[in-house]
């Protein structure tokens, strides 16, 4: 009888604790069976769910998920801003490309003005988009029949990282122009070795560079082509390039035009006993008067290619030089020299008249 009386309060207390725990679990929306099984509790804790600990009749402790550190949140927001900026830049680039294509469609596809070795060529889509299959077909024809254009990357070993990046951008523009050309060249990058700055910059700055349809080799052009077929194009040469021979291999020095090394490519070609030539800028263009008195025949490799490609299509040096030589080089065609000179003469005449008026006013002023 005494045992039964003693067991009564303990049973009542345990029932009260069980009721409090069940109510707490009900409020937290946790099944009592899941909370009562040790294995289920461990599995839920491993999965990252909430854990409930009943320490007494009125004591409930709830452990929620871990909070994200502030540094992680800051890095995540910064990365989101970078992604948003990239998306905006890509959107702007797409809009510019659409505007250029619309302008090219409005102008129409112009036909080639001249004829090449194989007769009249297809129209040039220099500003439009060429179908991929057609571009590949033209490039493979150039690979089989020429002409070939090599970029000598061994000459630019002393360039800085910034200059290497600009050269990589020029290579991208050169390849894009060649891909759109009606009569493309077959391109080759020689002494393009892994680990060099230009190698790293080409893959870093040019999307899809590994898929460019051209030859890249760590070897020299001297090991790939016979010496009598190589023509090194340098602005310091005494020989003038008169025509483009499909059987020749034309070599351009891989240098940016910002770092002009006087006669560097000419000395390199002479040491290798190669034939040299320069573009006929002096023969077809004249020096334009400018305030800096700046005149240079050194062009970027993509500008030299624009001249060669346009001439190969049109057989017209004036048209080719107009396409590749910018006015910033200080050279213009004779038919545009008067248009450039007239505004400068008018400005000079106006300055002289103002000076004369001031001098006359000074003389007539009372002492």
Protein backbone atom coordinates (compact mmCIF):
# COMPACT_ATOMS: atom_id res chain seq x y z
CA UNK A 1 0.00 0.00 0.00
CA UNK A 2 2.80 2.39 0.85
CA UNK A 3 4.62 1.47 -2.37
CA UNK A 4 1.55 2.24 -4.38
CA UNK A 5 1.13 5.59 -2.65
CA UNK A 6 4.80 6.42 -3.25
CA UNK A 7 4.59 5.45 -6.90
CA UNK A 8 1.55 7.60 -7.49
CA UNK A 9 3.25 11.05 -7.32
CA UNK A 10 6.24 9.84 -9.41
CA UNK A 11 3.92 8.50 -12.10
CA UNK A 12 1.99 11.77 -12.11
CA UNK A 13 5.21 13.76 -12.48
CA UNK A 14 6.43 11.63 -15.38
CA UNK A 15 3.06 11.95 -17.07
CA UNK A 16 3.25 15.74 -16.67
CA UNK A 17 6.75 15.87 -18.17
CA UNK A 18 5.60 13.70 -21.08
CA UNK A 19 2.65 16.01 -21.67
CA UNK A 20 4.89 19.11 -21.66
CA UNK A 21 7.31 17.47 -24.11
CA UNK A 22 4.48 16.39 -26.40
CA UNK A 23 3.04 19.91 -26.38
CA UNK A 24 6.46 21.38 -27.20
CA UNK A 25 6.93 18.96 -30.07
CA UNK A 26 3.46 19.76 -31.35
CA UNK A 27 4.20 23.49 -31.34
CA UNK A 28 7.45 22.90 -33.21
CA UNK A 29 5.62 20.64 -35.69
CA UNK A 30 7.89 17.67 -34.99
CA UNK A 31 6.45 14.18 -34.88
CA UNK A 32 6.84 12.58 -31.44
CA UNK A 33 7.95 9.33 -33.02
CA UNK A 34 10.79 11.05 -34.88
CA UNK A 35 11.89 12.82 -31.70
CA UNK A 36 11.64 9.72 -29.56
CA UNK A 37 13.86 7.50 -31.75
CA UNK A 38 17.57 8.07 -31.24
CA UNK A 39 18.45 7.01 -34.78
CA UNK A 40 15.94 9.42 -36.29
CA UNK A 41 17.29 12.22 -34.13
CA UNK A 42 20.83 11.56 -35.29
CA UNK A 43 19.78 11.39 -38.91
CA UNK A 44 17.87 14.64 -38.61
CA UNK A 45 20.84 16.33 -36.97
CA UNK A 46 23.11 15.16 -39.76
CA UNK A 47 20.70 16.57 -42.32
CA UNK A 48 20.78 20.00 -40.68
CA UNK A 49 17.23 20.04 -39.22
CA UNK A 50 16.22 21.59 -35.90
CA UNK A 51 17.03 19.71 -32.66
CA UNK A 52 14.88 19.79 -29.50
CA UNK A 53 16.15 19.03 -26.03
CA UNK A 54 13.74 18.54 -23.11
CA UNK A 55 15.60 19.15 -19.84
CA UNK A 56 12.66 19.37 -17.51
CA UNK A 57 8.94 20.02 -17.22
CA UNK A 58 9.26 23.62 -18.49
CA UNK A 59 12.66 23.71 -20.18
CA UNK A 60 12.85 23.52 -24.00
CA UNK A 61 15.98 24.50 -26.02
CA UNK A 62 15.82 24.83 -29.80
CA UNK A 63 19.02 24.93 -31.92
CA UNK A 64 18.42 26.50 -35.35
CA UNK A 65 20.58 26.40 -38.53
CA UNK A 66 24.01 28.01 -38.55
CA UNK A 67 24.19 31.68 -39.58
CA UNK A 68 26.22 32.68 -42.67
CA UNK A 69 29.40 34.69 -41.81
CA UNK A 70 29.52 38.33 -42.82
CA UNK A 71 32.62 37.84 -45.00
CA UNK A 72 30.85 35.15 -47.00
CA UNK A 73 27.83 37.40 -47.49
CA UNK A 74 30.09 40.28 -48.56
CA UNK A 75 31.94 38.10 -51.08
CA UNK A 76 28.64 36.76 -52.41
CA UNK A 77 27.26 40.28 -52.95
CA UNK A 78 30.49 41.39 -54.62
CA UNK A 79 30.41 38.39 -56.98
CA UNK A 80 26.76 39.14 -57.81
CA UNK A 81 27.72 42.71 -58.73
CA UNK A 82 30.53 41.41 -60.95
CA UNK A 83 28.14 39.01 -62.72
CA UNK A 84 25.61 41.81 -63.21
CA UNK A 85 28.29 44.05 -64.72
CA UNK A 86 29.39 41.28 -67.07
CA UNK A 87 25.83 40.62 -68.17
CA UNK A 88 25.35 44.34 -68.85
CA UNK A 89 28.54 44.50 -70.87
CA UNK A 90 27.54 41.47 -72.94
CA UNK A 91 24.11 43.01 -73.52
CA UNK A 92 25.70 46.23 -74.77
CA UNK A 93 28.05 44.28 -77.03
CA UNK A 94 25.11 42.37 -78.52
CA UNK A 95 23.31 45.64 -79.18
CA UNK A 96 26.37 47.08 -80.91
CA UNK A 97 26.71 43.98 -83.07
CA UNK A 98 23.05 44.19 -84.05
CA UNK A 99 23.46 47.86 -84.96
CA UNK A 100 26.51 47.07 -87.09
CA UNK A 101 24.68 44.23 -88.85
CA UNK A 102 21.67 46.49 -89.47
CA UNK A 103 23.96 49.15 -90.96
CA UNK A 104 25.67 46.55 -93.13
CA UNK A 105 22.32 45.20 -94.34
CA UNK A 106 21.23 48.74 -95.19
CA UNK A 107 24.34 49.40 -97.21
CA UNK A 108 23.98 46.11 -99.04
CA UNK A 109 26.55 43.60 -100.02
CA UNK A 110 29.14 45.24 -102.19
CA UNK A 111 30.70 43.17 -104.93
CA UNK A 112 34.43 42.83 -105.43
CA UNK A 113 35.77 45.56 -107.69
CA UNK A 114 38.52 43.52 -109.30
CA UNK A 115 39.40 39.96 -110.04
CA UNK A 116 41.96 37.72 -108.45
CA UNK A 117 43.95 34.86 -109.88
CA UNK A 118 40.81 32.74 -110.06
CA UNK A 119 38.58 35.38 -111.65
CA UNK A 120 35.86 37.54 -110.08
CA UNK A 121 35.35 36.69 -106.46
CA UNK A 122 32.27 36.55 -104.25
CA UNK A 123 31.06 39.69 -102.52
CA UNK A 124 32.89 40.68 -99.39
CA UNK A 125 30.94 40.66 -96.14
CA UNK A 126 33.53 42.62 -94.22
CA UNK A 127 30.94 44.25 -91.96
CA UNK A 128 28.37 41.49 -91.86
CA UNK A 129 28.27 37.96 -90.55
CA UNK A 130 29.53 35.16 -92.78
CA UNK A 131 27.89 31.74 -92.39
CA UNK A 132 30.18 29.38 -90.53
CA UNK A 133 30.17 26.74 -93.26
CA UNK A 134 31.09 29.29 -95.94
CA UNK A 135 33.87 30.76 -93.82
CA UNK A 136 35.34 27.32 -93.12
CA UNK A 137 35.20 26.44 -96.81
CA UNK A 138 37.05 29.62 -97.81
CA UNK A 139 39.70 29.15 -95.12
CA UNK A 140 40.34 25.56 -96.16
CA UNK A 141 40.71 26.69 -99.78
CA UNK A 142 43.29 29.26 -98.66
CA UNK A 143 45.09 26.54 -96.73
CA UNK A 144 45.35 24.45 -99.86
CA UNK A 145 46.07 27.16 -102.44
CA UNK A 146 47.41 30.13 -100.46
CA UNK A 147 48.38 32.84 -99.91
CA UNK A 148 49.78 32.42 -96.41
CA UNK A 149 50.34 35.01 -93.72
CA UNK A 150 52.57 34.31 -90.72
CA UNK A 151 52.84 36.37 -87.55
CA UNK A 152 56.39 36.15 -86.20
CA UNK A 153 55.91 36.07 -82.41
CA UNK A 154 59.59 35.47 -81.78
CA UNK A 155 60.43 39.10 -82.46
CA UNK A 156 58.42 40.44 -79.51
CA UNK A 157 60.22 38.77 -76.64
CA UNK A 158 60.88 42.09 -74.85
CA UNK A 159 57.26 43.26 -74.79
CA UNK A 160 55.52 44.05 -71.53
CA UNK A 161 52.37 42.30 -70.34
CA UNK A 162 50.28 45.27 -71.46
CA UNK A 163 51.80 45.19 -74.94
CA UNK A 164 51.27 41.42 -75.14
CA UNK A 165 47.59 41.97 -74.31
CA UNK A 166 47.26 44.53 -77.11
CA UNK A 167 48.97 42.19 -79.53
CA UNK A 168 46.52 39.43 -78.55
CA UNK A 169 43.64 41.81 -79.32
CA UNK A 170 45.15 42.61 -82.71
CA UNK A 171 45.44 38.89 -83.46
CA UNK A 172 41.73 38.51 -82.66
CA UNK A 173 40.81 41.38 -85.01
CA UNK A 174 43.08 39.97 -87.71
CA UNK A 175 41.44 36.54 -87.48
CA UNK A 176 37.93 38.03 -87.52
CA UNK A 177 38.69 40.12 -90.61
CA UNK A 178 40.26 37.12 -92.34
CA UNK A 179 37.25 34.96 -91.52
CA UNK A 180 34.90 37.52 -93.13
CA UNK A 181 37.08 38.11 -96.19
CA UNK A 182 35.93 36.90 -99.59
CA UNK A 183 39.48 35.70 -100.35
CA UNK A 184 41.07 34.94 -97.02
CA UNK A 185 44.68 34.12 -96.24
CA UNK A 186 45.78 31.06 -94.31
CA UNK A 187 47.10 32.31 -90.98
CA UNK A 188 49.95 30.88 -88.96
CA UNK A 189 51.36 31.95 -85.59
CA UNK A 190 55.00 30.90 -85.41
CA UNK A 191 57.12 30.59 -82.25
CA UNK A 192 53.85 30.42 -80.31
CA UNK A 193 55.21 28.52 -77.31
CA UNK A 194 53.37 27.61 -74.12
CA UNK A 195 54.38 29.67 -71.12
CA UNK A 196 55.19 32.84 -73.05
CA UNK A 197 53.23 36.05 -72.26
CA UNK A 198 51.58 36.20 -75.68
CA UNK A 199 50.48 32.55 -75.33
CA UNK A 200 48.79 33.28 -72.00
CA UNK A 201 47.22 36.52 -73.24
CA UNK A 202 45.75 34.92 -76.37
CA UNK A 203 43.91 32.28 -74.38
CA UNK A 204 42.90 34.72 -71.64
CA UNK A 205 41.57 37.55 -73.80
CA UNK A 206 40.19 35.74 -76.85
CA UNK A 207 37.11 33.58 -76.30
CA UNK A 208 37.25 30.37 -78.31
CA UNK A 209 40.88 30.89 -79.29
CA UNK A 210 41.49 27.13 -79.22
CA UNK A 211 38.92 26.78 -82.02
CA UNK A 212 40.48 29.35 -84.37
CA UNK A 213 40.97 27.84 -87.81
CA UNK A 214 44.67 28.58 -88.24
CA UNK A 215 48.07 27.04 -87.50
CA UNK A 216 49.84 27.67 -84.21
CA UNK A 217 53.29 26.20 -83.73
CA UNK A 218 56.31 26.76 -81.47
CA UNK A 219 58.54 26.31 -84.53
CA UNK A 220 60.00 29.09 -86.64
CA UNK A 221 58.79 29.92 -90.15
CA UNK A 222 62.30 29.06 -91.33
CA UNK A 223 61.61 25.42 -90.44
CA UNK A 224 58.20 25.39 -92.14
CA UNK A 225 58.71 27.13 -95.49
CA UNK A 226 61.54 27.44 -98.02
CA UNK A 227 63.58 30.63 -97.83
CA UNK A 228 62.82 31.68 -101.40
CA UNK A 229 59.06 31.67 -100.65
CA UNK A 230 59.25 33.94 -97.57
CA UNK A 231 58.69 37.70 -97.84
CA UNK A 232 59.16 39.63 -94.59
CA UNK A 233 56.96 42.75 -94.52
CA UNK A 234 58.65 45.62 -92.70
CA UNK A 235 58.15 49.40 -93.02
CA UNK A 236 61.94 49.90 -93.09
CA UNK A 237 62.48 47.91 -96.29
CA UNK A 238 63.66 49.55 -99.52
CA UNK A 239 61.60 47.19 -101.68
CA UNK A 240 57.98 48.03 -102.48
CA UNK A 241 55.31 45.34 -102.43
CA UNK A 242 53.75 45.52 -105.89
CA UNK A 243 51.52 42.45 -105.92
CA UNK A 244 50.43 39.47 -103.81
CA UNK A 245 51.62 36.08 -104.99
CA UNK A 246 49.61 33.07 -103.72
CA UNK A 247 52.80 31.00 -103.78
CA UNK A 248 54.55 33.32 -101.32
CA UNK A 249 54.49 33.31 -97.52
CA UNK A 250 54.19 36.83 -96.08
CA UNK A 251 55.57 37.34 -92.56
CA UNK A 252 54.57 40.12 -90.16
CA UNK A 253 56.55 41.01 -87.05
CA UNK A 254 54.54 40.38 -83.90
CA UNK A 255 54.98 43.84 -82.37
CA UNK A 256 52.45 46.41 -81.24
CA UNK A 257 52.65 49.80 -82.94
CA UNK A 258 52.91 51.57 -79.56
CA UNK A 259 56.45 50.22 -79.06
CA UNK A 260 58.27 51.11 -82.26
CA UNK A 261 61.65 49.43 -82.51
CA UNK A 262 63.53 51.07 -85.36
CA UNK A 263 64.62 48.58 -88.03
CA UNK A 264 64.21 45.61 -85.66
CA UNK A 265 62.27 43.51 -88.18
CA UNK A 266 64.56 44.62 -91.03
CA UNK A 267 67.68 43.48 -89.14
CA UNK A 268 66.00 40.17 -88.29
CA UNK A 269 65.10 39.53 -91.95
CA UNK A 270 68.60 40.44 -93.14
CA UNK A 271 70.22 38.13 -90.61
CA UNK A 272 68.04 35.31 -91.93
CA UNK A 273 68.77 36.24 -95.59
CA UNK A 274 65.09 36.81 -96.38
CA UNK A 275 63.42 38.94 -99.01
CA UNK A 276 61.80 42.06 -97.57
CA UNK A 277 59.10 44.44 -98.76
CA UNK A 278 57.00 47.36 -97.51
CA UNK A 279 53.53 48.62 -98.30
CA UNK A 280 53.41 51.31 -101.04
CA UNK A 281 52.33 54.06 -98.67
CA UNK A 282 54.78 56.65 -99.97
CA UNK A 283 53.92 55.85 -103.60
CA UNK A 284 50.14 56.29 -103.30
CA UNK A 285 49.68 58.57 -100.27
CA UNK A 286 50.90 62.00 -99.24
CA UNK A 287 51.74 63.50 -95.88
CA UNK A 288 48.83 65.37 -94.36
CA UNK A 289 49.64 68.59 -92.47
CA UNK A 290 48.93 68.27 -88.78
CA UNK A 291 49.78 70.13 -85.60
CA UNK A 292 52.12 67.44 -84.30
CA UNK A 293 53.94 66.97 -87.63
CA UNK A 294 53.54 63.21 -87.09
CA UNK A 295 53.87 60.79 -90.00
CA UNK A 296 54.41 57.06 -89.50
CA UNK A 297 54.33 54.05 -91.80
CA UNK A 298 54.29 51.57 -88.91
CA UNK A 299 50.89 49.87 -88.74
CA UNK A 300 49.36 47.30 -86.43
CA UNK A 301 49.27 43.74 -87.76
CA UNK A 302 45.50 43.84 -88.21
CA UNK A 303 45.81 47.11 -90.19
CA UNK A 304 48.48 45.58 -92.43
CA UNK A 305 46.17 42.64 -93.01
CA UNK A 306 43.28 44.96 -93.93
CA UNK A 307 45.52 46.49 -96.61
CA UNK A 308 46.63 43.10 -97.95
CA UNK A 309 43.15 41.58 -97.87
CA UNK A 310 41.49 44.55 -99.59
CA UNK A 311 44.13 44.62 -102.30
CA UNK A 312 43.82 40.86 -102.85
CA UNK A 313 40.09 41.35 -103.46
CA UNK A 314 40.07 44.64 -105.39
CA UNK A 315 43.56 44.80 -106.98
CA UNK A 316 43.56 48.51 -106.12
CA UNK A 317 46.26 49.91 -103.86
CA UNK A 318 44.43 53.22 -103.21
CA UNK A 319 41.34 51.32 -102.02
CA UNK A 320 43.49 49.00 -99.94
CA UNK A 321 45.43 51.83 -98.29
CA UNK A 322 42.22 53.71 -97.59
CA UNK A 323 40.88 50.61 -95.80
CA UNK A 324 43.95 49.96 -93.64
CA UNK A 325 45.86 53.21 -93.06
CA UNK A 326 44.09 55.42 -90.53
CA UNK A 327 44.25 59.20 -90.68
CA UNK A 328 46.09 59.20 -87.35
CA UNK A 329 49.22 57.95 -89.12
CA UNK A 330 49.52 61.29 -90.94
CA UNK A 331 49.12 59.89 -94.47
CA UNK A 332 46.14 60.46 -96.76
CA UNK A 333 45.33 59.82 -100.39
CA UNK A 334 45.89 62.75 -102.78
CA UNK A 335 42.16 63.14 -103.46
CA UNK A 336 41.48 63.69 -99.75
CA UNK A 337 44.55 65.83 -99.04
CA UNK A 338 42.74 69.04 -100.11
CA UNK A 339 39.81 68.21 -97.82
CA UNK A 340 42.21 67.83 -94.91
CA UNK A 341 44.22 70.92 -95.78
CA UNK A 342 41.28 73.29 -96.36
CA UNK A 343 39.97 73.40 -92.74
CA UNK A 344 43.50 73.91 -91.43
CA UNK A 345 44.12 76.74 -93.89
CA UNK A 346 40.82 78.36 -92.92
CA UNK A 347 41.75 78.12 -89.24
CA UNK A 348 45.17 79.63 -89.92
CA UNK A 349 43.62 82.48 -91.95
CA UNK A 350 41.16 83.18 -89.16
CA UNK A 351 43.96 83.28 -86.58
CA UNK A 352 45.97 85.66 -88.81
CA UNK A 353 43.00 87.97 -89.25
CA UNK A 354 42.41 88.09 -85.50
CA UNK A 355 46.08 88.85 -84.90
CA UNK A 356 46.03 91.67 -87.47
CA UNK A 357 42.87 93.14 -85.94
CA UNK A 358 44.41 93.12 -82.46
CA UNK A 359 47.62 94.71 -83.78
CA UNK A 360 45.67 97.44 -85.61
CA UNK A 361 43.60 98.16 -82.52
CA UNK A 362 46.77 98.41 -80.45
CA UNK A 363 48.31 100.90 -82.88
CA UNK A 364 45.20 103.10 -83.03
CA UNK A 365 44.79 103.17 -79.25
CA UNK A 366 45.84 106.53 -77.62
CA UNK A 367 49.13 106.54 -75.74
